[in-house]
């Protein structure tokens, strides 16, 4: 089995109330538990909004931005195991995160 990362793209927190967030998590939880039970879910987490450091070279100072335009925001990630891209994409298609953002499916390379 290979590892695949789902990059959560286009997530924008503006206008997301705690109630909406709770509803989204309630939809996401069963999918995650199903993937865990089947042995495919490895990890996942949202990225903190507005935080981070940007390095432009190994000699530059880490700065707090600028980051990608809001339409290109990476809001989090999910890592799963799958036999190939087809299976990984099938898992992603079932993910409720697709109700409010995009998922970019990438194979995690081996070191």
Protein backbone atom coordinates (compact mmCIF):
# COMPACT_ATOMS: atom_id res chain seq x y z
CA UNK A 1 0.00 0.00 0.00
CA UNK A 2 1.14 3.51 -0.79
CA UNK A 3 0.35 6.70 1.10
CA UNK A 4 -1.69 9.47 -0.49
CA UNK A 5 -2.25 12.98 0.77
CA UNK A 6 -5.49 14.83 0.20
CA UNK A 7 -4.70 18.54 0.23
CA UNK A 8 -7.79 20.44 1.32
CA UNK A 9 -7.92 23.40 -1.09
CA UNK A 10 -10.10 26.45 -1.23
CA UNK A 11 -11.19 26.35 2.39
CA UNK A 12 -12.25 29.80 3.57
CA UNK A 13 -13.30 30.35 7.18
CA UNK A 14 -15.09 33.65 6.53
CA UNK A 15 -18.75 33.27 7.42
CA UNK A 16 -18.31 29.81 8.93
CA UNK A 17 -20.19 29.81 12.20
CA UNK A 18 -19.49 27.35 15.02
CA UNK A 19 -22.77 25.64 14.09
CA UNK A 20 -21.66 25.17 10.48
CA UNK A 21 -18.29 23.85 11.64
CA UNK A 22 -19.98 21.41 14.01
CA UNK A 23 -22.24 20.19 11.20
CA UNK A 24 -19.23 19.68 8.90
CA UNK A 25 -17.37 17.73 11.58
CA UNK A 26 -20.45 15.59 12.21
CA UNK A 27 -20.45 14.67 8.50
CA UNK A 28 -16.66 14.10 8.39
CA UNK A 29 -16.44 11.88 11.50
CA UNK A 30 -18.25 8.81 10.06
CA UNK A 31 -16.12 8.93 6.89
CA UNK A 32 -12.93 9.12 8.97
CA UNK A 33 -14.06 6.27 11.25
CA UNK A 34 -14.94 4.12 8.22
CA UNK A 35 -11.46 4.75 6.77
CA UNK A 36 -9.83 4.00 10.14
CA UNK A 37 -11.78 0.76 10.58
CA UNK A 38 -10.69 -0.35 7.09
CA UNK A 39 -7.07 0.51 7.97
CA UNK A 40 -6.71 3.30 5.37
CA UNK A 41 -6.81 6.48 7.46
CA UNK A 42 -3.34 7.54 8.67
CA UNK A 43 -3.75 11.14 9.83
CA UNK A 44 -5.22 14.49 9.04
CA UNK A 45 -5.52 17.98 10.45
CA UNK A 46 -6.61 21.48 9.55
CA UNK A 47 -3.97 24.15 9.18
CA UNK A 48 -4.28 27.18 11.41
CA UNK A 49 -5.64 30.12 9.50
CA UNK A 50 -3.32 33.09 9.06
CA UNK A 51 -0.31 31.48 10.70
CA UNK A 52 2.91 30.16 9.26
CA UNK A 53 6.35 31.21 8.10
CA UNK A 54 7.56 31.67 4.55
CA UNK A 55 11.15 30.86 3.60
CA UNK A 56 12.43 31.99 0.21
CA UNK A 57 15.93 30.55 0.56
CA UNK A 58 18.11 29.00 3.23
CA UNK A 59 19.66 32.43 3.89
CA UNK A 60 16.48 34.45 4.18
CA UNK A 61 14.62 35.30 7.34
CA UNK A 62 11.40 33.41 7.92
CA UNK A 63 8.55 35.86 7.48
CA UNK A 64 4.90 35.69 8.38
CA UNK A 65 3.68 35.65 4.75
CA UNK A 66 2.78 36.57 2.16
CA UNK A 67 0.98 33.31 1.54
CA UNK A 68 -0.99 32.06 -1.45
CA UNK A 69 -4.02 33.99 -2.62
CA UNK A 70 -7.22 33.03 -0.78
CA UNK A 71 -8.56 31.13 -3.79
CA UNK A 72 -5.50 28.87 -3.52
CA UNK A 73 -5.57 28.34 0.25
CA UNK A 74 -4.52 24.96 1.61
CA UNK A 75 -6.73 24.50 4.66
CA UNK A 76 -5.53 21.11 5.83
CA UNK A 77 -4.61 17.59 4.83
CA UNK A 78 -5.63 13.96 5.14
CA UNK A 79 -3.24 11.04 4.66
CA UNK A 80 -4.60 7.63 3.64
CA UNK A 81 -3.17 4.38 2.39
CA UNK A 82 -4.39 2.96 -0.91
CA UNK A 83 -3.21 0.43 -3.49
CA UNK A 84 -3.14 3.04 -6.29
CA UNK A 85 -4.43 6.42 -7.45
CA UNK A 86 -7.78 4.94 -8.48
CA UNK A 87 -8.47 3.68 -4.97
CA UNK A 88 -7.22 6.92 -3.39
CA UNK A 89 -9.51 8.97 -5.66
CA UNK A 90 -12.42 6.68 -4.79
CA UNK A 91 -11.78 7.36 -1.09
CA UNK A 92 -11.58 11.10 -1.76
CA UNK A 93 -14.87 11.07 -3.68
CA UNK A 94 -16.62 9.78 -0.54
CA UNK A 95 -15.11 12.45 1.70
CA UNK A 96 -17.66 15.01 2.95
CA UNK A 97 -15.01 17.75 2.80
CA UNK A 98 -15.91 17.93 -0.91
CA UNK A 99 -19.18 19.60 0.11
CA UNK A 100 -17.31 22.87 0.77
CA UNK A 101 -13.81 22.60 -0.71
CA UNK A 102 -11.63 20.73 -3.20
CA UNK A 103 -9.34 17.79 -2.51
CA UNK A 104 -6.08 17.46 -4.41
CA UNK A 105 -4.91 13.82 -4.32
CA UNK A 106 -1.11 13.40 -4.28
CA UNK A 107 0.99 10.29 -3.81
CA UNK A 108 3.48 10.62 -0.95
CA UNK A 109 6.96 9.75 -2.18
CA UNK A 110 9.31 7.37 -0.44
CA UNK A 111 12.61 8.59 1.03
